[in-house]
Protein backbone atom coordinates (compact mmCIF):
# COMPACT_ATOMS: atom_id res chain seq x y z
CA UNK A 1 -29.13 11.29 14.10
CA UNK A 2 -31.60 9.92 11.61
CA UNK A 3 -31.81 6.12 11.98
CA UNK A 4 -31.38 3.87 8.92
CA UNK A 5 -34.65 3.04 7.26
CA UNK A 6 -36.36 6.07 8.79
CA UNK A 7 -38.21 6.82 5.60
CA UNK A 8 -36.20 9.72 4.21
CA UNK A 9 -36.70 9.23 0.49
CA UNK A 10 -33.53 11.07 -0.50
CA UNK A 11 -31.35 8.40 1.11
CA UNK A 12 -31.45 5.37 -1.16
CA UNK A 13 -28.93 3.48 0.95
CA UNK A 14 -30.70 3.74 4.33
CA UNK A 15 -31.69 0.10 4.52
CA UNK A 16 -28.16 -1.31 4.12
CA UNK A 17 -25.44 1.10 5.23
CA UNK A 18 -27.30 3.77 7.10
CA UNK A 19 -27.70 7.36 5.94
CA UNK A 20 -24.88 9.32 4.37
CA UNK A 21 -23.63 12.40 6.17
CA UNK A 22 -25.19 14.69 3.56
CA UNK A 23 -27.78 14.21 0.88
CA UNK A 24 -29.09 16.77 -1.62
CA UNK A 25 -32.67 17.74 -0.95
CA UNK A 26 -32.80 16.31 2.56
CA UNK A 27 -33.68 18.71 5.33
CA UNK A 28 -32.66 16.43 8.20
CA UNK A 29 -29.41 17.00 10.08
CA UNK A 30 -27.18 13.98 10.35
CA UNK A 31 -24.55 13.75 13.08
CA UNK A 32 -21.20 12.25 12.07
CA UNK A 33 -20.25 9.00 13.79
CA UNK A 34 -18.36 9.31 17.06
CA UNK A 35 -14.60 8.79 17.01
CA UNK A 36 -13.53 5.42 18.33
CA UNK A 37 -9.81 6.11 18.73
CA UNK A 38 -8.63 6.10 22.33
CA UNK A 39 -5.83 8.64 22.47
CA UNK A 40 -5.18 8.28 26.18
CA UNK A 41 -2.54 5.54 25.85
CA UNK A 42 0.45 6.69 27.96
CA UNK A 43 2.96 5.11 25.54
CA UNK A 44 2.29 7.80 22.94
CA UNK A 45 2.82 11.25 24.43
CA UNK A 46 3.78 13.12 21.24
CA UNK A 47 1.04 11.93 18.88
CA UNK A 48 -1.29 9.97 21.12
CA UNK A 49 -4.09 9.23 18.69
CA UNK A 50 -1.98 8.16 15.73
CA UNK A 51 0.51 6.05 17.65
CA UNK A 52 -2.13 4.48 19.89
CA UNK A 53 -3.89 3.43 16.69
CA UNK A 54 -0.65 2.19 15.07
CA UNK A 55 0.15 0.10 18.15
CA UNK A 56 -3.04 -1.89 17.70
CA UNK A 57 -1.77 -3.53 14.51
CA UNK A 58 0.79 -6.27 13.88
CA UNK A 59 2.02 -4.50 10.76
CA UNK A 60 1.51 -1.36 8.69
CA UNK A 61 2.04 -1.05 4.95
CA UNK A 62 3.38 2.28 3.67
CA UNK A 63 3.19 3.48 0.08
CA UNK A 64 6.44 5.07 -0.96
CA UNK A 65 6.24 7.90 -3.51
CA UNK A 66 4.24 10.72 -1.99
CA UNK A 67 4.07 9.17 1.49
CA UNK A 68 7.63 8.28 2.52
CA UNK A 69 9.44 10.24 -0.17
CA UNK A 70 8.71 12.68 -2.98
CA UNK A 71 11.00 11.90 -5.91
CA UNK A 72 14.47 12.03 -4.39
CA UNK A 73 13.48 13.87 -1.19
CA UNK A 74 12.32 12.23 2.02
CA UNK A 75 9.04 13.47 3.50
CA UNK A 76 10.47 15.25 6.59
CA UNK A 77 8.32 13.49 9.20
CA UNK A 78 8.68 10.01 7.69
CA UNK A 79 11.91 8.74 9.33
CA UNK A 80 10.80 9.70 12.83
CA UNK A 81 7.28 8.41 12.37
CA UNK A 82 8.55 5.07 11.06
CA UNK A 83 10.98 4.78 13.97
CA UNK A 84 8.13 5.43 16.41
CA UNK A 85 5.93 2.81 14.74
CA UNK A 86 8.77 0.28 14.85
CA UNK A 87 9.35 1.23 18.49
CA UNK A 88 5.84 0.00 19.26
CA UNK A 89 6.83 -3.43 17.95
CA UNK A 90 4.77 -3.01 14.79
CA UNK A 91 6.16 -4.57 11.61
CA UNK A 92 6.61 -2.24 8.64
CA UNK A 93 6.33 -2.94 4.92
CA UNK A 94 6.84 -0.63 1.95
CA UNK A 95 4.91 -0.93 -1.32
CA UNK A 96 5.31 0.83 -4.62
CA UNK A 97 3.50 0.67 -7.93
CA UNK A 98 6.78 1.55 -9.63
CA UNK A 99 8.17 -1.61 -11.23
CA UNK A 100 11.29 0.03 -12.66
CA UNK A 101 13.57 -0.47 -9.64
CA UNK A 102 14.08 -3.94 -8.16
CA UNK A 103 13.58 -4.29 -4.38
CA UNK A 104 17.31 -4.07 -3.55
CA UNK A 105 17.55 -0.65 -5.23
CA UNK A 106 14.35 0.55 -3.53
CA UNK A 107 15.83 -0.53 -0.19
CA UNK A 108 19.08 1.25 -1.00
CA UNK A 109 17.18 4.46 -1.83
CA UNK A 110 15.21 4.27 1.42
CA UNK A 111 18.36 3.81 3.48
CA UNK A 112 20.08 6.71 1.68
CA UNK A 113 17.10 8.90 2.58
CA UNK A 114 17.41 7.95 6.27
CA UNK A 115 14.60 5.38 6.27
CA UNK A 116 15.62 2.11 7.90
CA UNK A 117 14.53 -0.65 5.53
CA UNK A 118 15.41 -4.22 4.67
CA UNK A 119 14.89 -5.77 1.24
CA UNK A 120 12.33 -8.19 2.68
CA UNK A 121 10.16 -5.24 3.73
CA UNK A 122 9.78 -3.94 0.14
CA UNK A 123 7.12 -5.11 -2.30
CA UNK A 124 7.12 -3.70 -5.82
CA UNK A 125 4.41 -3.97 -8.44
CA UNK A 126 6.79 -6.22 -10.42
CA UNK A 127 6.83 -8.68 -7.52
CA UNK A 128 3.05 -8.46 -7.25
CA UNK A 129 2.72 -9.21 -10.99
CA UNK A 130 4.92 -12.30 -10.63
CA UNK A 131 2.79 -13.48 -7.74
CA UNK A 132 -0.39 -12.85 -9.72
CA UNK A 133 1.01 -14.94 -12.57
CA UNK A 134 1.61 -17.89 -10.24
CA UNK A 135 5.18 -17.25 -9.11
CA UNK A 136 7.77 -19.85 -10.04
CA UNK A 137 5.09 -22.54 -10.45
CA UNK A 138 3.21 -20.42 -12.97
CA UNK A 139 6.12 -18.84 -14.80
CA UNK A 140 8.95 -21.39 -14.90
CA UNK A 141 9.88 -21.81 -18.58
CA UNK A 142 6.99 -19.66 -19.82
CA UNK A 143 7.85 -17.25 -22.65
CA UNK A 144 7.24 -13.67 -21.57
CA UNK A 145 7.52 -10.53 -23.69
CA UNK A 146 8.36 -7.82 -21.15
CA UNK A 147 7.09 -4.31 -21.76
CA UNK A 148 8.74 -2.71 -18.77
CA UNK A 149 11.95 -1.80 -17.04
CA UNK A 150 14.73 -3.71 -15.34
CA UNK A 151 12.81 -4.31 -12.11
CA UNK A 152 10.05 -6.14 -13.97
CA UNK A 153 12.54 -8.09 -16.08
CA UNK A 154 14.50 -9.14 -12.97
CA UNK A 155 11.35 -10.25 -11.11
CA UNK A 156 10.12 -12.33 -14.05
CA UNK A 157 13.54 -13.90 -14.66
CA UNK A 158 13.84 -14.65 -10.97
CA UNK A 159 10.60 -16.61 -11.18
CA UNK A 160 11.98 -18.71 -14.04
CA UNK A 161 10.24 -16.97 -16.93
CA UNK A 162 11.92 -17.20 -20.33
CA UNK A 163 12.16 -13.63 -21.57
CA UNK A 164 11.65 -13.19 -25.31
CA UNK A 165 12.71 -10.12 -27.27
CA UNK A 166 10.49 -8.08 -29.51
CA UNK A 167 11.53 -9.88 -32.70
CA UNK A 168 10.40 -13.21 -31.22
CA UNK A 169 7.13 -11.86 -29.86
CA UNK A 170 5.15 -14.76 -31.39
CA UNK A 171 6.87 -17.13 -28.94
CA UNK A 172 5.52 -15.20 -25.97
CA UNK A 173 2.82 -16.84 -23.91
CA UNK A 174 2.50 -13.81 -21.65
CA UNK A 175 2.97 -10.13 -22.47
């Protein structure tokens, strides 16, 4: 392993982060860092490394489309993996950048696909946008022109925003 700051001129980041694993024009061999996952935990016989790692956290956030499901099909290993994570006492949350469906419909879809989920475990991008805009304190009575689907409209209305239609766009304080 070449130590950081060893003078290799092709590694501009040596002084701060250490050398990269590969650098064009460098003739030195760099060993990758050693794994730090202990996969000897007896609680996780089927997938020791992954579950031992999961058990070290209070909660894990899962993206939905492409991780838990693909369109209207569940990723085959997802229900079992989520059950195993929950079995370790780890809290689970689901996030999606799709603002079209409100959280209750996302939860319904998950349950129909065999994924145990509660509405309080789902966070949509619409909910994140409301939070970013100050929640009820920031949106109560504020005129908002919504360019989005029902999930976004519901989240904004739920925070007290006054939704304006396209014809009254000049009244909007937020788009």
